[in-house]
């Protein structure tokens, strides 16, 4: 609970197979640079991914740098943090349910290769503006509920599920 910063540049994760909840509830963690994080051998692998709830409930985590090899951000991975700014790498394809739920994200730009955003992924944030890519066609249940959206361009969206923009 006293861990504030983690330097993972020389952290060898090549033999690690399970990272689930690895840093969950590190309540003092403020900064996280995962740019050199290697998740190649992690179980439940679909491409390169983060593990379920890996960094959830790190109540002070505001700054996040994701590795370029991440293709999937798993369920609840960054849930209940204080992340304000978020930039996705071009390899990211899937954001699973509750991945960034209950953060402080203000603006959201979805990368060009993102194909799926699961239920509740960005629920309870501070998002006022979303820039969709040309690939996303379906917005799942309550994916952007409880935000501060003011303007949305839904030109390419074909399916909007229950409560997608509830309480905005």
C-alpha atoms as a PDB file:
ATOM      1  CA  UNK A   1       0.000   0.000   0.000  1.00  0.00           C
ATOM      2  CA  UNK A   2       3.042   2.294   0.119  1.00  0.00           C
ATOM      3  CA  UNK A   3       4.229   1.588  -3.437  1.00  0.00           C
ATOM      4  CA  UNK A   4       4.162   4.898  -5.389  1.00  0.00           C
ATOM      5  CA  UNK A   5       6.140   4.232  -8.564  1.00  0.00           C
ATOM      6  CA  UNK A   6       7.138   1.049 -10.335  1.00  0.00           C
ATOM      7  CA  UNK A   7      10.117   0.928 -12.675  1.00  0.00           C
ATOM      8  CA  UNK A   8       9.600  -2.129 -14.877  1.00  0.00           C
ATOM      9  CA  UNK A   9      12.261  -1.560 -17.559  1.00  0.00           C
ATOM     10  CA  UNK A  10      14.457  -4.417 -16.300  1.00  0.00           C
ATOM     11  CA  UNK A  11      11.594  -6.541 -15.004  1.00  0.00           C
ATOM     12  CA  UNK A  12      11.874  -9.933 -16.750  1.00  0.00           C
ATOM     13  CA  UNK A  13       8.354 -11.285 -17.298  1.00  0.00           C
ATOM     14  CA  UNK A  14       9.205 -13.690 -20.125  1.00  0.00           C
ATOM     15  CA  UNK A  15       8.539 -16.778 -17.936  1.00  0.00           C
ATOM     16  CA  UNK A  16       5.459 -15.401 -16.149  1.00  0.00           C
ATOM     17  CA  UNK A  17       2.195 -17.181 -16.984  1.00  0.00           C
ATOM     18  CA  UNK A  18      -0.291 -15.456 -14.661  1.00  0.00           C
ATOM     19  CA  UNK A  19      -0.358 -11.752 -13.787  1.00  0.00           C
ATOM     20  CA  UNK A  20      -3.924 -11.573 -12.538  1.00  0.00           C
ATOM     21  CA  UNK A  21      -4.313  -8.939  -9.782  1.00  0.00           C
ATOM     22  CA  UNK A  22      -0.513  -8.547  -9.704  1.00  0.00           C
ATOM     23  CA  UNK A  23      -0.641  -4.886  -8.627  1.00  0.00           C
ATOM     24  CA  UNK A  24      -4.299  -4.711  -7.598  1.00  0.00           C
ATOM     25  CA  UNK A  25      -5.048  -2.436  -4.630  1.00  0.00           C
ATOM     26  CA  UNK A  26      -1.656  -0.698  -4.628  1.00  0.00           C
ATOM     27  CA  UNK A  27      -3.423   2.327  -3.206  1.00  0.00           C
ATOM     28  CA  UNK A  28      -0.399   4.679  -3.312  1.00  0.00           C
ATOM     29  CA  UNK A  29       0.693   3.867  -6.892  1.00  0.00           C
ATOM     30  CA  UNK A  30       0.646   7.118  -8.933  1.00  0.00           C
ATOM     31  CA  UNK A  31       2.678   6.434 -12.070  1.00  0.00           C
ATOM     32  CA  UNK A  32       3.019   3.348 -14.211  1.00  0.00           C
ATOM     33  CA  UNK A  33       5.215   2.928 -17.287  1.00  0.00           C
ATOM     34  CA  UNK A  34       4.515  -0.416 -18.951  1.00  0.00           C
ATOM     35  CA  UNK A  35       6.229   0.451 -22.227  1.00  0.00           C
ATOM     36  CA  UNK A  36       8.742  -2.441 -21.877  1.00  0.00           C
ATOM     37  CA  UNK A  37       6.363  -4.915 -20.250  1.00  0.00           C
ATOM     38  CA  UNK A  38       6.481  -8.350 -21.924  1.00  0.00           C
ATOM     39  CA  UNK A  39       3.284 -10.430 -21.632  1.00  0.00           C
ATOM     40  CA  UNK A  40       4.058 -13.015 -24.325  1.00  0.00           C
ATOM     41  CA  UNK A  41       3.738 -16.108 -22.063  1.00  0.00           C
ATOM     42  CA  UNK A  42       0.833 -14.979 -19.907  1.00  0.00           C
ATOM     43  CA  UNK A  43      -1.991 -17.537 -19.870  1.00  0.00           C
ATOM     44  CA  UNK A  44      -5.355 -16.697 -21.435  1.00  0.00           C
ATOM     45  CA  UNK A  45      -3.276 -15.146 -24.168  1.00  0.00           C
ATOM     46  CA  UNK A  46      -4.927 -13.790 -27.243  1.00  0.00           C
ATOM     47  CA  UNK A  47      -2.145 -11.860 -28.858  1.00  0.00           C
ATOM     48  CA  UNK A  48      -0.483  -9.757 -26.181  1.00  0.00           C
ATOM     49  CA  UNK A  49      -2.699  -8.687 -23.340  1.00  0.00           C
ATOM     50  CA  UNK A  50      -2.930  -7.433 -19.814  1.00  0.00           C
ATOM     51  CA  UNK A  51      -4.403  -9.765 -17.166  1.00  0.00           C
ATOM     52  CA  UNK A  52      -7.760  -9.444 -15.413  1.00  0.00           C
ATOM     53  CA  UNK A  53      -7.847  -6.791 -12.671  1.00  0.00           C
ATOM     54  CA  UNK A  54      -4.072  -6.468 -12.882  1.00  0.00           C
ATOM     55  CA  UNK A  55      -4.019  -2.806 -11.807  1.00  0.00           C
ATOM     56  CA  UNK A  56      -7.528  -2.369 -10.384  1.00  0.00           C
ATOM     57  CA  UNK A  57      -8.183  -0.301  -7.260  1.00  0.00           C
ATOM     58  CA  UNK A  58      -4.927   1.643  -7.420  1.00  0.00           C
ATOM     59  CA  UNK A  59      -6.818   4.747  -6.264  1.00  0.00           C
ATOM     60  CA  UNK A  60      -4.019   7.233  -7.013  1.00  0.00           C
ATOM     61  CA  UNK A  61      -2.912   5.905 -10.411  1.00  0.00           C
ATOM     62  CA  UNK A  62      -3.171   8.890 -12.784  1.00  0.00           C
ATOM     63  CA  UNK A  63      -0.438   8.383 -15.368  1.00  0.00           C
ATOM     64  CA  UNK A  64      -0.301   5.309 -17.532  1.00  0.00           C
ATOM     65  CA  UNK A  65       1.975   4.357 -20.434  1.00  0.00           C
ATOM     66  CA  UNK A  66       0.914   1.144 -22.170  1.00  0.00           C
ATOM     67  CA  UNK A  67       3.322  -1.132 -24.062  1.00  0.00           C
ATOM     68  CA  UNK A  68       3.183  -1.140 -27.858  1.00  0.00           C
ATOM     69  CA  UNK A  69       2.558  -4.885 -28.021  1.00  0.00           C
ATOM     70  CA  UNK A  70      -0.752  -4.868 -26.115  1.00  0.00           C
ATOM     71  CA  UNK A  71      -3.646  -6.011 -28.315  1.00  0.00           C
ATOM     72  CA  UNK A  72      -6.185  -6.708 -25.563  1.00  0.00           C
ATOM     73  CA  UNK A  73      -6.877  -4.848 -22.335  1.00  0.00           C
ATOM     74  CA  UNK A  74      -8.609  -7.408 -20.143  1.00  0.00           C
ATOM     75  CA  UNK A  75     -11.646  -7.048 -17.918  1.00  0.00           C
ATOM     76  CA  UNK A  76     -11.275  -4.708 -14.983  1.00  0.00           C
ATOM     77  CA  UNK A  77      -7.562  -4.227 -15.669  1.00  0.00           C
ATOM     78  CA  UNK A  78      -7.506  -0.496 -14.843  1.00  0.00           C
ATOM     79  CA  UNK A  79     -10.835  -0.244 -13.006  1.00  0.00           C
ATOM     80  CA  UNK A  80     -11.196   2.160 -10.056  1.00  0.00           C
ATOM     81  CA  UNK A  81      -8.115   4.291 -10.608  1.00  0.00           C
ATOM     82  CA  UNK A  82      -7.689   8.030 -11.213  1.00  0.00           C
ATOM     83  CA  UNK A  83      -6.466   7.858 -14.812  1.00  0.00           C
ATOM     84  CA  UNK A  84      -7.155  11.149 -16.594  1.00  0.00           C
ATOM     85  CA  UNK A  85      -5.321  10.881 -19.879  1.00  0.00           C
ATOM     86  CA  UNK A  86      -5.107   7.814 -21.999  1.00  0.00           C
ATOM     87  CA  UNK A  87      -3.431   7.128 -25.316  1.00  0.00           C
ATOM     88  CA  UNK A  88      -3.800   3.762 -26.970  1.00  0.00           C
ATOM     89  CA  UNK A  89      -1.121   2.156 -29.113  1.00  0.00           C
ATOM     90  CA  UNK A  90      -1.951   1.262 -32.713  1.00  0.00           C
ATOM     91  CA  UNK A  91      -1.902  -2.485 -31.990  1.00  0.00           C
ATOM     92  CA  UNK A  92      -4.780  -2.387 -29.510  1.00  0.00           C
ATOM     93  CA  UNK A  93      -7.769  -4.336 -30.877  1.00  0.00           C
ATOM     94  CA  UNK A  94     -10.010  -5.168 -27.885  1.00  0.00           C
ATOM     95  CA  UNK A  95     -10.993  -3.442 -24.649  1.00  0.00           C
ATOM     96  CA  UNK A  96     -12.831  -5.904 -22.400  1.00  0.00           C
ATOM     97  CA  UNK A  97     -15.599  -5.200 -19.902  1.00  0.00           C
ATOM     98  CA  UNK A  98     -15.007  -2.714 -17.080  1.00  0.00           C
ATOM     99  CA  UNK A  99     -11.399  -2.182 -18.269  1.00  0.00           C
ATOM    100  CA  UNK A 100     -11.376   1.560 -17.465  1.00  0.00           C
ATOM    101  CA  UNK A 101     -14.563   1.820 -15.405  1.00  0.00           C
ATOM    102  CA  UNK A 102     -14.519   4.404 -12.587  1.00  0.00           C
ATOM    103  CA  UNK A 103     -11.589   6.573 -13.620  1.00  0.00           C
ATOM    104  CA  UNK A 104     -11.284  10.288 -14.468  1.00  0.00           C
ATOM    105  CA  UNK A 105     -10.727  10.022 -18.235  1.00  0.00           C
ATOM    106  CA  UNK A 106     -11.805  13.267 -19.934  1.00  0.00           C
ATOM    107  CA  UNK A 107     -11.156  12.885 -23.664  1.00  0.00           C
ATOM    108  CA  UNK A 108     -11.028   9.615 -25.535  1.00  0.00           C
ATOM    109  CA  UNK A 109      -9.541   8.947 -28.956  1.00  0.00           C
ATOM    110  CA  UNK A 110      -9.916   5.373 -30.155  1.00  0.00           C
ATOM    111  CA  UNK A 111      -7.030   4.058 -32.227  1.00  0.00           C
ATOM    112  CA  UNK A 112      -7.612   2.942 -35.834  1.00  0.00           C
ATOM    113  CA  UNK A 113      -7.281  -0.815 -35.184  1.00  0.00           C
ATOM    114  CA  UNK A 114      -9.658  -1.074 -32.225  1.00  0.00           C
ATOM    115  CA  UNK A 115     -12.502  -3.418 -33.192  1.00  0.00           C
ATOM    116  CA  UNK A 116     -14.329  -4.095 -29.922  1.00  0.00           C
ATOM    117  CA  UNK A 117     -15.209  -2.310 -26.693  1.00  0.00           C
ATOM    118  CA  UNK A 118     -17.066  -4.499 -24.183  1.00  0.00           C
ATOM    119  CA  UNK A 119     -19.769  -3.653 -21.657  1.00  0.00           C
ATOM    120  CA  UNK A 120     -19.079  -0.942 -19.056  1.00  0.00           C
ATOM    121  CA  UNK A 121     -15.515  -0.406 -20.372  1.00  0.00           C
ATOM    122  CA  UNK A 122     -15.605   3.386 -19.806  1.00  0.00           C
ATOM    123  CA  UNK A 123     -18.562   3.703 -17.433  1.00  0.00           C
ATOM    124  CA  UNK A 124     -18.260   6.313 -14.652  1.00  0.00           C
ATOM    125  CA  UNK A 125     -15.532   8.541 -16.062  1.00  0.00           C
ATOM    126  CA  UNK A 126     -15.467  12.252 -16.964  1.00  0.00           C
ATOM    127  CA  UNK A 127     -15.500  11.774 -20.745  1.00  0.00           C
ATOM    128  CA  UNK A 128     -16.859  14.796 -22.579  1.00  0.00           C
ATOM    129  CA  UNK A 129     -15.564  13.949 -26.055  1.00  0.00           C
ATOM    130  CA  UNK A 130     -15.045  10.677 -27.932  1.00  0.00           C
ATOM    131  CA  UNK A 131     -13.323  10.272 -31.282  1.00  0.00           C
ATOM    132  CA  UNK A 132     -14.456   6.987 -32.811  1.00  0.00           C
ATOM    133  CA  UNK A 133     -12.460   5.185 -35.484  1.00  0.00           C
ATOM    134  CA  UNK A 134     -13.984   3.885 -38.742  1.00  0.00           C
ATOM    135  CA  UNK A 135     -14.018   0.236 -37.611  1.00  0.00           C
ATOM    136  CA  UNK A 136     -16.174   0.235 -34.449  1.00  0.00           C
ATOM    137  CA  UNK A 137     -19.747  -0.633 -35.437  1.00  0.00           C
ATOM    138  CA  UNK A 138     -21.271  -1.720 -32.126  1.00  0.00           C
ATOM    139  CA  UNK A 139     -21.415   0.053 -28.764  1.00  0.00           C
ATOM    140  CA  UNK A 140     -22.126  -2.440 -25.968  1.00  0.00           C
ATOM    141  CA  UNK A 141     -24.200  -2.128 -22.785  1.00  0.00           C
ATOM    142  CA  UNK A 142     -23.452   1.004 -20.763  1.00  0.00           C
ATOM    143  CA  UNK A 143     -20.000   1.327 -22.342  1.00  0.00           C
ATOM    144  CA  UNK A 144     -20.077   5.135 -21.933  1.00  0.00           C
ATOM    145  CA  UNK A 145     -22.730   5.461 -19.193  1.00  0.00           C
ATOM    146  CA  UNK A 146     -22.284   8.030 -16.422  1.00  0.00           C
ATOM    147  CA  UNK A 147     -19.883  10.359 -18.190  1.00  0.00           C
ATOM    148  CA  UNK A 148     -20.114  14.015 -19.274  1.00  0.00           C
ATOM    149  CA  UNK A 149     -20.598  13.601 -23.012  1.00  0.00           C
ATOM    150  CA  UNK A 150     -21.595  16.748 -24.873  1.00  0.00           C
ATOM    151  CA  UNK A 151     -21.181  15.779 -28.511  1.00  0.00           C
ATOM    152  CA  UNK A 152     -20.874  12.430 -30.297  1.00  0.00           C
ATOM    153  CA  UNK A 153     -20.394  11.540 -33.962  1.00  0.00           C
ATOM    154  CA  UNK A 154     -22.009   8.137 -34.559  1.00  0.00           C
ATOM    155  CA  UNK A 155     -21.640   7.969 -38.356  1.00  0.00           C
ATOM    156  CA  UNK A 156     -20.146   4.444 -38.511  1.00  0.00           C
ATOM    157  CA  UNK A 157     -22.014   2.969 -35.552  1.00  0.00           C
ATOM    158  CA  UNK A 158     -24.637   0.412 -36.600  1.00  0.00           C
ATOM    159  CA  UNK A 159     -25.665  -1.054 -33.193  1.00  0.00           C
ATOM    160  CA  UNK A 160     -26.146   0.801 -29.914  1.00  0.00           C
ATOM    161  CA  UNK A 161     -27.024  -1.506 -27.008  1.00  0.00           C
ATOM    162  CA  UNK A 162     -28.870  -0.847 -23.734  1.00  0.00           C
ATOM    163  CA  UNK A 163     -27.821   2.182 -21.718  1.00  0.00           C
ATOM    164  CA  UNK A 164     -24.756   2.967 -23.862  1.00  0.00           C
ATOM    165  CA  UNK A 165     -24.968   6.701 -23.081  1.00  0.00           C
ATOM    166  CA  UNK A 166     -27.114   6.528 -19.920  1.00  0.00           C
ATOM    167  CA  UNK A 167     -26.770   9.470 -17.491  1.00  0.00           C
ATOM    168  CA  UNK A 168     -24.771  11.812 -19.711  1.00  0.00           C
END
